[in-house]
Amino acid sequence: MITVIFIFIGLMVCGGLVLRHQLRIAPLVKNNKTPRRNPHRFAFVGLPRKLPIDPARVGRSNAPETRRLMKRLQREEARQRPQEARN
């Protein structure tokens, strides 16, 4: 019985708060002091078709560090490659 009373009181309070909210909605006031936002400023133009390539870096693949890293990569790939006799 007490549960029904609490539910009824809760619904009454909720209804009172909804009614209060409906009665106290602030009127919309046009404020001319705020700057206008440009709607096209953040417009989505689209994704680029391809990445730009820096022509100054195209021929630099023979650097000693790059060769060292490529040899290290090849050794690691050879180490991870399965052997014929294992299967």
Protein backbone atom coordinates (compact mmCIF):
# COMPACT_ATOMS: atom_id res chain seq x y z
CA MET A 1 0.00 0.00 0.00
CA ILE A 2 2.82 2.39 0.88
CA THR A 3 4.42 1.71 -2.51
CA VAL A 4 1.28 2.83 -4.32
CA ILE A 5 1.24 6.04 -2.28
CA PHE A 6 4.89 6.78 -3.13
CA ILE A 7 4.26 6.12 -6.83
CA PHE A 8 1.22 8.41 -6.78
CA ILE A 9 3.18 11.19 -5.00
CA GLY A 10 6.06 10.79 -7.47
CA LEU A 11 3.70 11.09 -10.44
CA MET A 12 2.11 14.19 -8.92
CA VAL A 13 5.52 15.83 -8.42
CA CYS A 14 6.56 14.92 -11.95
CA GLY A 15 3.33 16.34 -13.36
CA GLY A 16 3.84 19.55 -11.36
CA LEU A 17 7.38 19.93 -12.69
CA VAL A 18 6.23 19.39 -16.29
CA LEU A 19 3.45 21.96 -15.82
CA ARG A 20 5.93 24.43 -14.26
CA HIS A 21 8.31 23.93 -17.18
CA GLN A 22 5.56 24.58 -19.72
CA LEU A 23 4.56 27.79 -17.97
CA ARG A 24 8.10 29.15 -17.50
CA ILE A 25 9.60 28.78 -20.99
CA ALA A 26 11.69 31.86 -21.70
CA PRO A 27 10.64 33.87 -24.74
CA LEU A 28 13.00 33.90 -27.70
CA VAL A 29 14.79 37.24 -27.96
CA LYS A 30 16.72 38.19 -31.05
CA ASN A 31 20.16 39.34 -30.01
CA ASN A 32 21.77 41.54 -32.65
CA LYS A 33 25.04 41.82 -30.75
CA THR A 34 26.26 38.32 -31.59
CA PRO A 35 28.27 38.00 -34.81
CA ARG A 36 26.72 36.04 -37.66
CA ARG A 37 28.29 32.71 -38.46
CA ASN A 38 29.23 31.94 -42.01
CA PRO A 39 27.49 28.63 -42.89
CA HIS A 40 30.03 27.91 -45.63
CA ARG A 41 33.04 28.27 -43.36
CA PHE A 42 33.01 24.66 -42.18
CA ALA A 43 31.34 23.13 -45.22
CA PHE A 44 32.50 19.65 -46.21
CA VAL A 45 34.12 19.93 -49.62
CA GLY A 46 35.10 16.30 -50.08
CA LEU A 47 38.06 13.99 -49.76
CA PRO A 48 41.19 14.59 -51.84
CA ARG A 49 41.52 12.33 -54.86
CA LYS A 50 45.19 11.51 -54.24
CA LEU A 51 47.92 12.45 -51.84
CA PRO A 52 50.42 15.06 -52.95
CA ILE A 53 53.91 13.64 -53.53
CA ASP A 54 56.94 15.68 -52.59
CA PRO A 55 59.25 15.52 -55.64
CA ALA A 56 62.29 16.33 -53.50
CA ARG A 57 61.91 13.03 -51.58
CA VAL A 58 61.19 10.68 -54.49
CA GLY A 59 64.79 9.70 -55.32
CA ARG A 60 66.07 9.29 -51.75
CA SER A 61 65.40 5.57 -51.32
CA ASN A 62 69.15 4.72 -51.51
CA ALA A 63 70.03 6.32 -48.21
CA PRO A 64 72.18 4.09 -45.95
CA GLU A 65 69.55 4.02 -43.21
CA THR A 66 66.86 2.94 -45.65
CA ARG A 67 69.06 0.14 -47.01
CA ARG A 68 69.85 -1.02 -43.48
CA LEU A 69 66.16 -1.08 -42.56
CA MET A 70 65.25 -2.95 -45.74
CA LYS A 71 67.88 -5.64 -45.03
CA ARG A 72 66.59 -5.94 -41.47
CA LEU A 73 63.04 -6.30 -42.79
CA GLN A 74 64.10 -9.00 -45.25
CA ARG A 75 65.90 -10.94 -42.49
CA GLU A 76 62.82 -10.74 -40.28
CA GLU A 77 60.55 -11.92 -43.12
CA ALA A 78 62.92 -14.82 -43.86
CA ARG A 79 62.93 -15.77 -40.17
CA GLN A 80 59.14 -15.82 -40.01
CA ARG A 81 58.74 -17.74 -43.27
CA PRO A 82 57.74 -21.32 -42.54
CA GLN A 83 60.20 -24.08 -43.45
CA GLU A 84 59.31 -26.88 -45.89
CA ALA A 85 60.06 -29.68 -43.46
CA ARG A 86 57.93 -28.31 -40.63
CA ASN A 87 54.61 -29.13 -42.22
